[in-house]
Amino acid sequence: MGRNQAFDTAEAVRAARAVFWERGYEATALPDLERATRLSRSSIYHAFTSKRGLFDAAVDSYLDEVIRPRLRPLVGDDVAPDALDDYLRGLRDALLRGGTLPATSGCLLVNSANAPIGHEDGVAAVVAAYATELRTAMAAGVRARLPHLPADARRTLSDVCVGLVISAFALVRVDAEEAARTLDTARAVLASAVAFADGGGGTA
């Protein structure tokens, strides 16, 4: 007869997620995860198979509970014209909110992409899918704000926003103010495109 699981899996994954997010996969040891989750090593292996299995669960949790709620206004059926600017402003505020993981550790997936774990097939695929998800959301935001802008110009503008968002995630670990300025640049580029389009320069 199998043992009954006597812990909240979601809470254990969130606790592990915080450790991976702060320290990275390679720098996180099993004793760190035992302390954070309050689970024994055998319980971790029983529930998640391995440290990597727990990391994969943490990444899924990160996407579902951290990334996608912030992107949701950009991926619905009815995207508001100001949704992209609201996203950029909200992300800026989050990266400047001292003492939080976004402010001290940036993005779990961007960090992983730049670490050895990012070269592993499963993780690389998740990071690539995240980049596509982010690009799709930015494109929807640009389209909602600038529906008459030519498609190639919208694509370029959304790619610029994606690049600046990823840069901000990377920079915040060493300079939060510079990360905020990067997002200010994204908002300024978007505002300039809007002003240009409103002046007639962006009409087909």
N, C-alpha and C. Protein backbone atom coordinates (compact mmCIF):
# COMPACT_ATOMS: atom_id res chain seq x y z
N MET A 1 0.85 -1.20 0.00
CA MET A 1 0.00 0.00 0.00
C MET A 1 0.88 1.24 0.00
N GLY A 2 0.60 2.20 -0.89
CA GLY A 2 1.40 3.42 -0.96
C GLY A 2 1.13 4.31 0.23
N ARG A 3 2.13 5.18 0.50
CA ARG A 3 1.98 6.11 1.60
C ARG A 3 1.06 7.26 1.20
N ASN A 4 0.26 7.73 2.16
CA ASN A 4 -0.56 8.90 1.92
C ASN A 4 0.33 10.14 1.94
N GLN A 5 0.12 11.06 0.99
CA GLN A 5 0.90 12.29 0.96
C GLN A 5 0.32 13.25 1.99
N ALA A 6 1.17 13.66 2.93
CA ALA A 6 0.69 14.47 4.05
C ALA A 6 1.14 15.92 3.94
N PHE A 7 1.34 16.42 2.73
CA PHE A 7 1.74 17.81 2.58
C PHE A 7 1.04 18.41 1.36
N ASP A 8 1.01 19.73 1.32
CA ASP A 8 0.39 20.46 0.22
C ASP A 8 1.41 20.59 -0.90
N THR A 9 1.18 19.90 -1.99
CA THR A 9 2.15 19.91 -3.09
C THR A 9 2.37 21.31 -3.64
N ALA A 10 1.30 22.06 -3.83
CA ALA A 10 1.43 23.40 -4.38
C ALA A 10 2.27 24.30 -3.49
N GLU A 11 2.08 24.20 -2.18
CA GLU A 11 2.87 25.01 -1.26
C GLU A 11 4.33 24.60 -1.28
N ALA A 12 4.58 23.31 -1.37
CA ALA A 12 5.96 22.83 -1.45
C ALA A 12 6.63 23.34 -2.71
N VAL A 13 5.91 23.32 -3.82
CA VAL A 13 6.47 23.80 -5.08
C VAL A 13 6.74 25.30 -5.01
N ARG A 14 5.84 26.06 -4.41
CA ARG A 14 6.07 27.50 -4.28
C ARG A 14 7.31 27.79 -3.43
N ALA A 15 7.47 27.03 -2.37
CA ALA A 15 8.64 27.22 -1.51
C ALA A 15 9.93 26.91 -2.26
N ALA A 16 9.92 25.82 -3.03
CA ALA A 16 11.09 25.47 -3.83
C ALA A 16 11.32 26.51 -4.92
N ARG A 17 10.22 27.00 -5.51
CA ARG A 17 10.33 28.01 -6.56
C ARG A 17 11.08 29.23 -6.07
N ALA A 18 10.80 29.67 -4.86
CA ALA A 18 11.48 30.84 -4.32
C ALA A 18 12.98 30.61 -4.20
N VAL A 19 13.37 29.40 -3.82
CA VAL A 19 14.80 29.10 -3.69
C VAL A 19 15.47 29.06 -5.06
N PHE A 20 14.86 28.36 -6.01
CA PHE A 20 15.42 28.30 -7.36
C PHE A 20 15.50 29.70 -7.97
N TRP A 21 14.48 30.49 -7.75
CA TRP A 21 14.40 31.85 -8.31
C TRP A 21 15.53 32.72 -7.76
N GLU A 22 15.76 32.60 -6.47
CA GLU A 22 16.78 33.43 -5.83
C GLU A 22 18.20 32.94 -6.13
N ARG A 23 18.42 31.65 -6.10
CA ARG A 23 19.78 31.11 -6.17
C ARG A 23 20.15 30.51 -7.51
N GLY A 24 19.15 30.10 -8.28
CA GLY A 24 19.42 29.39 -9.51
C GLY A 24 19.47 27.89 -9.27
N TYR A 25 19.27 27.14 -10.33
CA TYR A 25 19.20 25.68 -10.20
C TYR A 25 20.50 25.10 -9.68
N GLU A 26 21.62 25.50 -10.28
CA GLU A 26 22.90 24.88 -9.93
C GLU A 26 23.33 25.18 -8.49
N ALA A 27 23.03 26.37 -8.02
CA ALA A 27 23.45 26.77 -6.68
C ALA A 27 22.50 26.29 -5.58
N THR A 28 21.41 25.69 -5.98
CA THR A 28 20.44 25.18 -5.01
C THR A 28 20.74 23.72 -4.70
N ALA A 29 21.01 23.44 -3.44
CA ALA A 29 21.30 22.07 -3.02
C ALA A 29 20.06 21.44 -2.41
N LEU A 30 20.05 20.12 -2.37
CA LEU A 30 18.89 19.43 -1.78
C LEU A 30 18.62 19.86 -0.34
N PRO A 31 19.64 20.06 0.51
CA PRO A 31 19.33 20.55 1.86
C PRO A 31 18.61 21.89 1.86
N ASP A 32 18.92 22.77 0.88
CA ASP A 32 18.20 24.04 0.76
C ASP A 32 16.71 23.79 0.50
N LEU A 33 16.46 22.83 -0.38
CA LEU A 33 15.07 22.51 -0.73
C LEU A 33 14.35 21.82 0.43
N GLU A 34 15.07 21.00 1.16
CA GLU A 34 14.47 20.36 2.34
C GLU A 34 14.05 21.41 3.36
N ARG A 35 14.93 22.39 3.59
CA ARG A 35 14.61 23.44 4.57
C ARG A 35 13.43 24.28 4.09
N ALA A 36 13.45 24.66 2.81
CA ALA A 36 12.40 25.53 2.29
C ALA A 36 11.04 24.85 2.27
N THR A 37 11.02 23.60 1.85
CA THR A 37 9.74 22.89 1.71
C THR A 37 9.31 22.19 2.99
N ARG A 38 10.26 22.04 3.92
CA ARG A 38 10.03 21.28 5.15
C ARG A 38 9.71 19.82 4.85
N LEU A 39 10.28 19.33 3.78
CA LEU A 39 10.11 17.94 3.40
C LEU A 39 11.44 17.22 3.53
N SER A 40 11.37 15.96 3.83
CA SER A 40 12.58 15.14 3.83
C SER A 40 13.00 14.87 2.39
N ARG A 41 14.25 14.46 2.24
CA ARG A 41 14.75 14.14 0.90
C ARG A 41 13.92 13.02 0.27
N SER A 42 13.57 12.03 1.06
CA SER A 42 12.78 10.92 0.52
C SER A 42 11.41 11.39 0.06
N SER A 43 10.81 12.35 0.78
CA SER A 43 9.51 12.87 0.37
C SER A 43 9.62 13.66 -0.93
N ILE A 44 10.70 14.43 -1.06
CA ILE A 44 10.91 15.17 -2.31
C ILE A 44 11.05 14.21 -3.48
N TYR A 45 11.84 13.17 -3.29
CA TYR A 45 12.03 12.20 -4.38
C TYR A 45 10.75 11.42 -4.67
N HIS A 46 10.01 11.12 -3.61
CA HIS A 46 8.77 10.38 -3.80
C HIS A 46 7.76 11.21 -4.60
N ALA A 47 7.70 12.51 -4.32
CA ALA A 47 6.70 13.37 -4.97
C ALA A 47 7.15 13.89 -6.33
N PHE A 48 8.45 14.15 -6.47
CA PHE A 48 8.92 14.84 -7.68
C PHE A 48 10.01 14.08 -8.45
N THR A 49 10.39 12.93 -7.98
CA THR A 49 11.36 12.05 -8.62
C THR A 49 12.81 12.50 -8.42
N SER A 50 13.05 13.81 -8.53
CA SER A 50 14.43 14.31 -8.46
C SER A 50 14.40 15.81 -8.21
N LYS A 51 15.58 16.37 -7.98
CA LYS A 51 15.70 17.83 -7.89
C LYS A 51 15.22 18.47 -9.18
N ARG A 52 15.57 17.89 -10.30
CA ARG A 52 15.14 18.43 -11.59
C ARG A 52 13.62 18.37 -11.73
N GLY A 53 13.01 17.30 -11.24
CA GLY A 53 11.56 17.19 -11.28
C GLY A 53 10.90 18.29 -10.47
N LEU A 54 11.48 18.61 -9.32
CA LEU A 54 10.94 19.70 -8.50
C LEU A 54 11.15 21.04 -9.20
N PHE A 55 12.29 21.20 -9.85
CA PHE A 55 12.54 22.43 -10.61
C PHE A 55 11.52 22.60 -11.73
N ASP A 56 11.25 21.52 -12.45
CA ASP A 56 10.26 21.59 -13.54
C ASP A 56 8.89 21.99 -13.00
N ALA A 57 8.53 21.44 -11.85
CA ALA A 57 7.25 21.82 -11.23
C ALA A 57 7.27 23.28 -10.81
N ALA A 58 8.42 23.76 -10.33
CA ALA A 58 8.54 25.16 -9.93
C ALA A 58 8.41 26.09 -11.14
N VAL A 59 8.98 25.69 -12.26
CA VAL A 59 8.86 26.50 -13.48
C VAL A 59 7.41 26.56 -13.94
N ASP A 60 6.72 25.43 -13.94
CA ASP A 60 5.30 25.42 -14.30
C ASP A 60 4.51 26.34 -13.39
N SER A 61 4.81 26.28 -12.10
CA SER A 61 4.14 27.14 -11.13
C SER A 61 4.45 28.61 -11.40
N TYR A 62 5.69 28.90 -11.74
CA TYR A 62 6.10 30.27 -12.03
C TYR A 62 5.33 30.82 -13.23
N LEU A 63 5.21 30.02 -14.27
CA LEU A 63 4.47 30.45 -15.44
C LEU A 63 3.00 30.70 -15.11
N ASP A 64 2.39 29.78 -14.37
CA ASP A 64 0.96 29.85 -14.09
C ASP A 64 0.59 30.91 -13.07
N GLU A 65 1.47 31.15 -12.10
CA GLU A 65 1.12 32.03 -10.98
C GLU A 65 1.80 33.39 -11.02
N VAL A 66 2.87 33.52 -11.78
CA VAL A 66 3.61 34.79 -11.81
C VAL A 66 3.54 35.43 -13.20
N ILE A 67 3.91 34.69 -14.22
CA ILE A 67 4.00 35.26 -15.57
C ILE A 67 2.63 35.48 -16.19
N ARG A 68 1.82 34.44 -16.25
CA ARG A 68 0.57 34.53 -17.01
C ARG A 68 -0.45 35.48 -16.41
N PRO A 69 -0.57 35.60 -15.09
CA PRO A 69 -1.50 36.61 -14.56
C PRO A 69 -1.13 38.03 -15.01
N ARG A 70 0.16 38.31 -15.09
CA ARG A 70 0.58 39.65 -15.53
C ARG A 70 0.32 39.86 -17.02
N LEU A 71 0.44 38.78 -17.79
CA LEU A 71 0.22 38.88 -19.24
C LEU A 71 -1.26 38.78 -19.63
N ARG A 72 -2.11 38.35 -18.71
CA ARG A 72 -3.50 38.06 -19.06
C ARG A 72 -4.22 39.20 -19.76
N PRO A 73 -4.05 40.46 -19.34
CA PRO A 73 -4.75 41.54 -20.06
C PRO A 73 -4.32 41.69 -21.51
N LEU A 74 -3.18 41.07 -21.87
CA LEU A 74 -2.68 41.19 -23.23
C LEU A 74 -3.04 39.99 -24.11
N VAL A 75 -3.65 38.99 -23.53
CA VAL A 75 -3.93 37.78 -24.31
C VAL A 75 -5.41 37.41 -24.34
N GLY A 76 -6.24 38.27 -23.83
CA GLY A 76 -7.67 38.00 -23.84
C GLY A 76 -8.29 38.30 -25.20
N ASP A 77 -9.58 38.08 -25.31
CA ASP A 77 -10.29 38.34 -26.56
C ASP A 77 -10.41 39.83 -26.85
N ASP A 78 -10.44 40.64 -25.80
CA ASP A 78 -10.63 42.08 -25.97
C ASP A 78 -9.50 42.80 -25.24
N VAL A 79 -8.41 43.08 -25.95
CA VAL A 79 -7.25 43.74 -25.35
C VAL A 79 -7.46 45.25 -25.37
N ALA A 80 -7.35 45.87 -24.22
CA ALA A 80 -7.55 47.32 -24.13
C ALA A 80 -6.40 48.06 -24.80
N PRO A 81 -6.66 49.24 -25.36
CA PRO A 81 -5.60 50.00 -26.03
C PRO A 81 -4.40 50.31 -25.12
N ASP A 82 -4.65 50.49 -23.83
CA ASP A 82 -3.57 50.83 -22.91
C ASP A 82 -2.96 49.61 -22.23
N ALA A 83 -3.33 48.41 -22.64
CA ALA A 83 -2.89 47.21 -21.92
C ALA A 83 -1.38 47.05 -21.92
N LEU A 84 -0.73 47.33 -23.03
CA LEU A 84 0.73 47.14 -23.09
C LEU A 84 1.44 48.16 -22.21
N ASP A 85 1.01 49.41 -22.28
CA ASP A 85 1.62 50.42 -21.41
C ASP A 85 1.38 50.09 -19.95
N ASP A 86 0.18 49.61 -19.63
CA ASP A 86 -0.12 49.20 -18.25
C ASP A 86 0.80 48.06 -17.82
N TYR A 87 1.04 47.11 -18.71
CA TYR A 87 1.94 46.00 -18.40
C TYR A 87 3.36 46.50 -18.11
N LEU A 88 3.86 47.37 -18.98
CA LEU A 88 5.22 47.89 -18.81
C LEU A 88 5.34 48.70 -17.53
N ARG A 89 4.33 49.51 -17.23
CA ARG A 89 4.36 50.31 -16.01
C ARG A 89 4.26 49.41 -14.78
N GLY A 90 3.39 48.40 -14.84
CA GLY A 90 3.26 47.49 -13.71
C GLY A 90 4.52 46.69 -13.47
N LEU A 91 5.17 46.25 -14.55
CA LEU A 91 6.42 45.52 -14.40
C LEU A 91 7.51 46.42 -13.82
N ARG A 92 7.56 47.66 -14.27
CA ARG A 92 8.52 48.61 -13.71
C ARG A 92 8.33 48.74 -12.20
N ASP A 93 7.08 48.91 -11.78
CA ASP A 93 6.80 49.04 -10.35
C ASP A 93 7.23 47.78 -9.59
N ALA A 94 6.99 46.62 -10.18
CA ALA A 94 7.34 45.36 -9.53
C ALA A 94 8.85 45.22 -9.36
N LEU A 95 9.61 45.64 -10.37
CA LEU A 95 11.06 45.52 -10.30
C LEU A 95 11.68 46.52 -9.33
N LEU A 96 10.94 47.56 -9.00
CA LEU A 96 11.44 48.55 -8.04
C LEU A 96 10.93 48.31 -6.62
N ARG A 97 10.09 47.27 -6.46
CA ARG A 97 9.50 47.00 -5.15
C ARG A 97 10.50 46.20 -4.32
N GLY A 98 11.29 46.89 -3.53
CA GLY A 98 12.38 46.28 -2.79
C GLY A 98 11.95 45.12 -1.90
N GLY A 99 12.84 44.14 -1.78
CA GLY A 99 12.58 43.01 -0.90
C GLY A 99 11.75 41.91 -1.52
N THR A 100 11.38 42.04 -2.79
CA THR A 100 10.60 41.01 -3.47
C THR A 100 11.51 40.25 -4.44
N LEU A 101 11.10 39.06 -4.80
CA LEU A 101 11.91 38.26 -5.71
C LEU A 101 12.05 38.90 -7.10
N PRO A 102 11.00 39.48 -7.68
CA PRO A 102 11.21 40.16 -8.96
C PRO A 102 12.26 41.26 -8.86
N ALA A 103 12.27 41.99 -7.75
CA ALA A 103 13.22 43.09 -7.59
C ALA A 103 14.64 42.62 -7.35
N THR A 104 14.80 41.52 -6.65
CA THR A 104 16.15 41.05 -6.32
C THR A 104 16.67 40.00 -7.28
N SER A 105 15.75 39.27 -7.95
CA SER A 105 16.18 38.12 -8.74
C SER A 105 15.65 38.11 -10.17
N GLY A 106 14.93 39.16 -10.57
CA GLY A 106 14.49 39.23 -11.95
C GLY A 106 13.48 38.17 -12.33
N CYS A 107 13.79 37.43 -13.38
CA CYS A 107 12.87 36.42 -13.93
C CYS A 107 13.51 35.04 -13.82
N LEU A 108 12.81 34.10 -13.27
CA LEU A 108 13.32 32.74 -13.12
C LEU A 108 13.72 32.15 -14.47
N LEU A 109 12.93 32.39 -15.50
CA LEU A 109 13.20 31.78 -16.80
C LEU A 109 14.35 32.47 -17.52
N VAL A 110 14.43 33.78 -17.43
CA VAL A 110 15.57 34.49 -18.04
C VAL A 110 16.86 34.07 -17.34
N ASN A 111 16.82 33.97 -16.02
CA ASN A 111 18.00 33.52 -15.29
C ASN A 111 18.40 32.12 -15.71
N SER A 112 17.43 31.24 -15.86
CA SER A 112 17.71 29.85 -16.23
C SER A 112 18.27 29.77 -17.65
N ALA A 113 17.79 30.64 -18.53
CA ALA A 113 18.28 30.63 -19.91
C ALA A 113 19.77 30.93 -19.99
N ASN A 114 20.26 31.70 -19.01
CA ASN A 114 21.67 32.11 -19.00
C ASN A 114 22.52 31.26 -18.07
N ALA A 115 21.99 30.13 -17.62
CA ALA A 115 22.70 29.23 -16.73
C ALA A 115 22.87 27.87 -17.41
N PRO A 116 23.73 27.01 -16.89
CA PRO A 116 23.91 25.70 -17.52
C PRO A 116 22.61 24.92 -17.71
N ILE A 117 21.66 25.03 -16.78
CA ILE A 117 20.40 24.30 -16.90
C ILE A 117 19.66 24.70 -18.17
N GLY A 118 19.92 25.92 -18.66
CA GLY A 118 19.23 26.39 -19.85
C GLY A 118 19.60 25.65 -21.12
N HIS A 119 20.70 24.90 -21.08
CA HIS A 119 21.12 24.14 -22.25
C HIS A 119 20.43 22.77 -22.33
N GLU A 120 19.78 22.37 -21.26
CA GLU A 120 19.09 21.08 -21.28
C GLU A 120 17.81 21.20 -22.11
N ASP A 121 17.54 20.14 -22.88
CA ASP A 121 16.46 20.20 -23.87
C ASP A 121 15.13 20.66 -23.29
N GLY A 122 14.71 20.05 -22.21
CA GLY A 122 13.41 20.39 -21.65
C GLY A 122 13.32 21.83 -21.21
N VAL A 123 14.36 22.32 -20.57
CA VAL A 123 14.35 23.71 -20.09
C VAL A 123 14.45 24.67 -21.28
N ALA A 124 15.31 24.36 -22.24
CA ALA A 124 15.43 25.21 -23.42
C ALA A 124 14.09 25.36 -24.13
N ALA A 125 13.35 24.27 -24.22
CA ALA A 125 12.04 24.31 -24.88
C ALA A 125 11.06 25.20 -24.11
N VAL A 126 11.09 25.12 -22.79
CA VAL A 126 10.19 25.94 -21.97
C VAL A 126 10.55 27.41 -22.11
N VAL A 127 11.84 27.72 -22.11
CA VAL A 127 12.28 29.11 -22.25
C VAL A 127 11.87 29.65 -23.62
N ALA A 128 12.06 28.84 -24.67
CA ALA A 128 11.67 29.27 -26.01
C ALA A 128 10.17 29.50 -26.10
N ALA A 129 9.39 28.63 -25.47
CA ALA A 129 7.94 28.79 -25.47
C ALA A 129 7.53 30.05 -24.71
N TYR A 130 8.24 30.33 -23.63
CA TYR A 130 7.96 31.55 -22.87
C TYR A 130 8.25 32.79 -23.72
N ALA A 131 9.37 32.78 -24.45
CA ALA A 131 9.71 33.91 -25.32
C ALA A 131 8.62 34.12 -26.37
N THR A 132 8.10 33.02 -26.92
CA THR A 132 7.02 33.11 -27.90
C THR A 132 5.76 33.67 -27.25
N GLU A 133 5.46 33.22 -26.05
CA GLU A 133 4.28 33.70 -25.32
C GLU A 133 4.39 35.20 -25.04
N LEU A 134 5.58 35.62 -24.64
CA LEU A 134 5.81 37.04 -24.37
C LEU A 134 5.69 37.86 -25.65
N ARG A 135 6.26 37.36 -26.73
CA ARG A 135 6.19 38.07 -28.00
C ARG A 135 4.74 38.18 -28.51
N THR A 136 3.98 37.12 -28.35
CA THR A 136 2.58 37.13 -28.76
C THR A 136 1.79 38.15 -27.96
N ALA A 137 2.06 38.22 -26.67
CA ALA A 137 1.37 39.18 -25.81
C ALA A 137 1.73 40.61 -26.19
N MET A 138 3.03 40.88 -26.41
CA MET A 138 3.44 42.22 -26.81
C MET A 138 2.80 42.62 -28.14
N ALA A 139 2.77 41.66 -29.07
CA ALA A 139 2.17 41.94 -30.38
C ALA A 139 0.70 42.29 -30.25
N ALA A 140 0.00 41.58 -29.37
CA ALA A 140 -1.42 41.87 -29.17
C ALA A 140 -1.61 43.26 -28.57
N GLY A 141 -0.72 43.63 -27.65
CA GLY A 141 -0.79 44.96 -27.06
C GLY A 141 -0.53 46.06 -28.06
N VAL A 142 0.47 45.85 -28.93
CA VAL A 142 0.77 46.83 -29.97
C VAL A 142 -0.41 46.94 -30.95
N ARG A 143 -0.96 45.80 -31.32
CA ARG A 143 -2.09 45.80 -32.27
C ARG A 143 -3.30 46.52 -31.68
N ALA A 144 -3.54 46.33 -30.38
CA ALA A 144 -4.68 47.00 -29.75
C ALA A 144 -4.49 48.51 -29.69
N ARG A 145 -3.24 48.93 -29.49
CA ARG A 145 -2.97 50.37 -29.38
C ARG A 145 -2.81 51.03 -30.75
N LEU A 146 -2.27 50.28 -31.71
CA LEU A 146 -1.98 50.84 -33.03
C LEU A 146 -2.54 49.93 -34.12
N PRO A 147 -3.85 49.81 -34.20
CA PRO A 147 -4.44 48.84 -35.14
C PRO A 147 -4.18 49.17 -36.60
N HIS A 148 -3.90 50.43 -36.92
CA HIS A 148 -3.72 50.82 -38.32
C HIS A 148 -2.24 50.84 -38.73
N LEU A 149 -1.36 50.54 -37.80
CA LEU A 149 0.06 50.50 -38.14
C LEU A 149 0.32 49.29 -39.03
N PRO A 150 1.15 49.44 -40.07
CA PRO A 150 1.46 48.29 -40.93
C PRO A 150 1.99 47.11 -40.12
N ALA A 151 1.71 45.91 -40.58
CA ALA A 151 2.04 44.70 -39.83
C ALA A 151 3.53 44.60 -39.53
N ASP A 152 4.38 44.95 -40.51
CA ASP A 152 5.82 44.83 -40.26
C ASP A 152 6.29 45.82 -39.20
N ALA A 153 5.68 46.99 -39.16
CA ALA A 153 6.02 47.99 -38.14
C ALA A 153 5.54 47.53 -36.77
N ARG A 154 4.35 46.94 -36.71
CA ARG A 154 3.85 46.40 -35.43
C ARG A 154 4.77 45.29 -34.93
N ARG A 155 5.21 44.43 -35.83
CA ARG A 155 6.09 43.33 -35.45
C ARG A 155 7.42 43.86 -34.89
N THR A 156 7.97 44.86 -35.56
CA THR A 156 9.22 45.46 -35.08
C THR A 156 9.04 46.09 -33.71
N LEU A 157 7.95 46.81 -33.52
CA LEU A 157 7.70 47.47 -32.25
C LEU A 157 7.52 46.45 -31.13
N SER A 158 6.80 45.38 -31.39
CA SER A 158 6.60 44.35 -30.35
C SER A 158 7.92 43.65 -30.04
N ASP A 159 8.77 43.43 -31.05
CA ASP A 159 10.07 42.80 -30.81
C ASP A 159 10.97 43.71 -29.95
N VAL A 160 10.89 45.02 -30.20
CA VAL A 160 11.64 45.97 -29.38
C VAL A 160 11.18 45.89 -27.93
N CYS A 161 9.88 45.82 -27.71
CA CYS A 161 9.34 45.73 -26.35
C CYS A 161 9.79 44.44 -25.66
N VAL A 162 9.75 43.33 -26.39
CA VAL A 162 10.21 42.06 -25.83
C VAL A 162 11.67 42.16 -25.41
N GLY A 163 12.50 42.69 -26.29
CA GLY A 163 13.92 42.80 -25.98
C GLY A 163 14.18 43.66 -24.76
N LEU A 164 13.46 44.75 -24.64
CA LEU A 164 13.66 45.64 -23.49
C LEU A 164 13.13 45.03 -22.20
N VAL A 165 12.05 44.28 -22.28
CA VAL A 165 11.54 43.59 -21.09
C VAL A 165 12.56 42.56 -20.61
N ILE A 166 13.09 41.77 -21.52
CA ILE A 166 14.09 40.76 -21.13
C ILE A 166 15.35 41.44 -20.59
N SER A 167 15.76 42.54 -21.19
CA SER A 167 16.91 43.28 -20.68
C SER A 167 16.65 43.77 -19.25
N ALA A 168 15.45 44.26 -19.00
CA ALA A 168 15.12 44.73 -17.65
C ALA A 168 15.20 43.60 -16.64
N PHE A 169 14.70 42.41 -17.01
CA PHE A 169 14.79 41.26 -16.12
C PHE A 169 16.25 40.91 -15.81
N ALA A 170 17.10 41.01 -16.81
CA ALA A 170 18.51 40.69 -16.60
C ALA A 170 19.21 41.76 -15.77
N LEU A 171 18.88 43.03 -15.99
CA LEU A 171 19.55 44.13 -15.32
C LEU A 171 19.16 44.29 -13.86
N VAL A 172 17.93 43.94 -13.51
CA VAL A 172 17.43 44.26 -12.17
C VAL A 172 18.25 43.61 -11.07
N ARG A 173 18.90 42.51 -11.37
CA ARG A 173 19.70 41.82 -10.35
C ARG A 173 20.91 42.63 -9.92
N VAL A 174 21.35 43.55 -10.80
CA VAL A 174 22.53 44.35 -10.46
C VAL A 174 22.22 45.83 -10.33
N ASP A 175 21.14 46.29 -10.99
CA ASP A 175 20.82 47.73 -10.95
C ASP A 175 19.34 47.92 -11.24
N ALA A 176 18.56 48.03 -10.19
CA ALA A 176 17.11 48.14 -10.35
C ALA A 176 16.71 49.42 -11.08
N GLU A 177 17.43 50.50 -10.80
CA GLU A 177 17.09 51.77 -11.46
C GLU A 177 17.34 51.69 -12.96
N GLU A 178 18.41 51.02 -13.35
CA GLU A 178 18.69 50.86 -14.77
C GLU A 178 17.64 49.98 -15.43
N ALA A 179 17.19 48.95 -14.71
CA ALA A 179 16.11 48.11 -15.23
C ALA A 179 14.85 48.93 -15.44
N ALA A 180 14.55 49.80 -14.48
CA ALA A 180 13.37 50.67 -14.61
C ALA A 180 13.50 51.60 -15.80
N ARG A 181 14.71 52.14 -16.01
CA ARG A 181 14.92 53.02 -17.15
C ARG A 181 14.73 52.27 -18.48
N THR A 182 15.10 51.01 -18.49
CA THR A 182 14.91 50.20 -19.69
C THR A 182 13.43 50.08 -20.03
N LEU A 183 12.62 49.89 -19.02
CA LEU A 183 11.17 49.83 -19.24
C LEU A 183 10.59 51.20 -19.57
N ASP A 184 11.18 52.25 -19.02
CA ASP A 184 10.77 53.60 -19.42
C ASP A 184 11.04 53.81 -20.91
N THR A 185 12.15 53.27 -21.38
CA THR A 185 12.48 53.37 -22.81
C THR A 185 11.43 52.65 -23.65
N ALA A 186 11.03 51.46 -23.20
CA ALA A 186 9.99 50.72 -23.93
C ALA A 186 8.70 51.54 -24.00
N ARG A 187 8.32 52.16 -22.89
CA ARG A 187 7.11 52.97 -22.89
C ARG A 187 7.27 54.19 -23.78
N ALA A 188 8.46 54.77 -23.80
CA ALA A 188 8.71 55.95 -24.63
C ALA A 188 8.66 55.59 -26.12
N VAL A 189 9.22 54.45 -26.48
CA VAL A 189 9.17 54.00 -27.87
C VAL A 189 7.72 53.78 -28.30
N LEU A 190 6.94 53.15 -27.42
CA LEU A 190 5.53 52.93 -27.72
C LEU A 190 4.80 54.26 -27.87
N ALA A 191 5.06 55.20 -26.95
CA ALA A 191 4.40 56.51 -27.02
C ALA A 191 4.79 57.26 -28.29
N SER A 192 6.04 57.13 -28.69
CA SER A 192 6.49 57.80 -29.92
C SER A 192 5.78 57.23 -31.14
N ALA A 193 5.62 55.90 -31.15
CA ALA A 193 4.92 55.27 -32.26
C ALA A 193 3.47 55.73 -32.33
N VAL A 194 2.85 55.87 -31.15
CA VAL A 194 1.47 56.34 -31.10
C VAL A 194 1.37 57.76 -31.61
N ALA A 195 2.31 58.63 -31.16
CA ALA A 195 2.30 60.02 -31.60
C ALA A 195 2.51 60.11 -33.10
N PHE A 196 3.40 59.30 -33.63
CA PHE A 196 3.67 59.30 -35.07
C PHE A 196 2.43 58.86 -35.85
N ALA A 197 1.80 57.79 -35.35
CA ALA A 197 0.60 57.28 -36.02
C ALA A 197 -0.53 58.29 -35.95
N ASP A 198 -0.69 58.94 -34.78
CA ASP A 198 -1.76 59.92 -34.62
C ASP A 198 -1.53 61.15 -35.52
N GLY A 199 -0.26 61.37 -35.85
CA GLY A 199 0.06 62.49 -36.72
C GLY A 199 -0.11 62.16 -38.19
N GLY A 200 -0.47 60.91 -38.47
CA GLY A 200 -0.73 60.52 -39.85
C GLY A 200 0.39 59.76 -40.49
N GLY A 201 1.55 59.66 -39.80
CA GLY A 201 2.69 59.02 -40.40
C GLY A 201 2.59 57.52 -40.43
N GLY A 202 1.69 56.94 -39.60
CA GLY A 202 1.62 55.48 -39.54
C GLY A 202 0.44 54.89 -40.27
N THR A 203 -0.29 55.69 -40.99
CA THR A 203 -1.46 55.15 -41.70
C THR A 203 -1.04 54.52 -43.00
N ALA A 204 -1.78 53.50 -43.40
CA ALA A 204 -1.44 52.80 -44.65
C ALA A 204 -1.87 53.62 -45.85
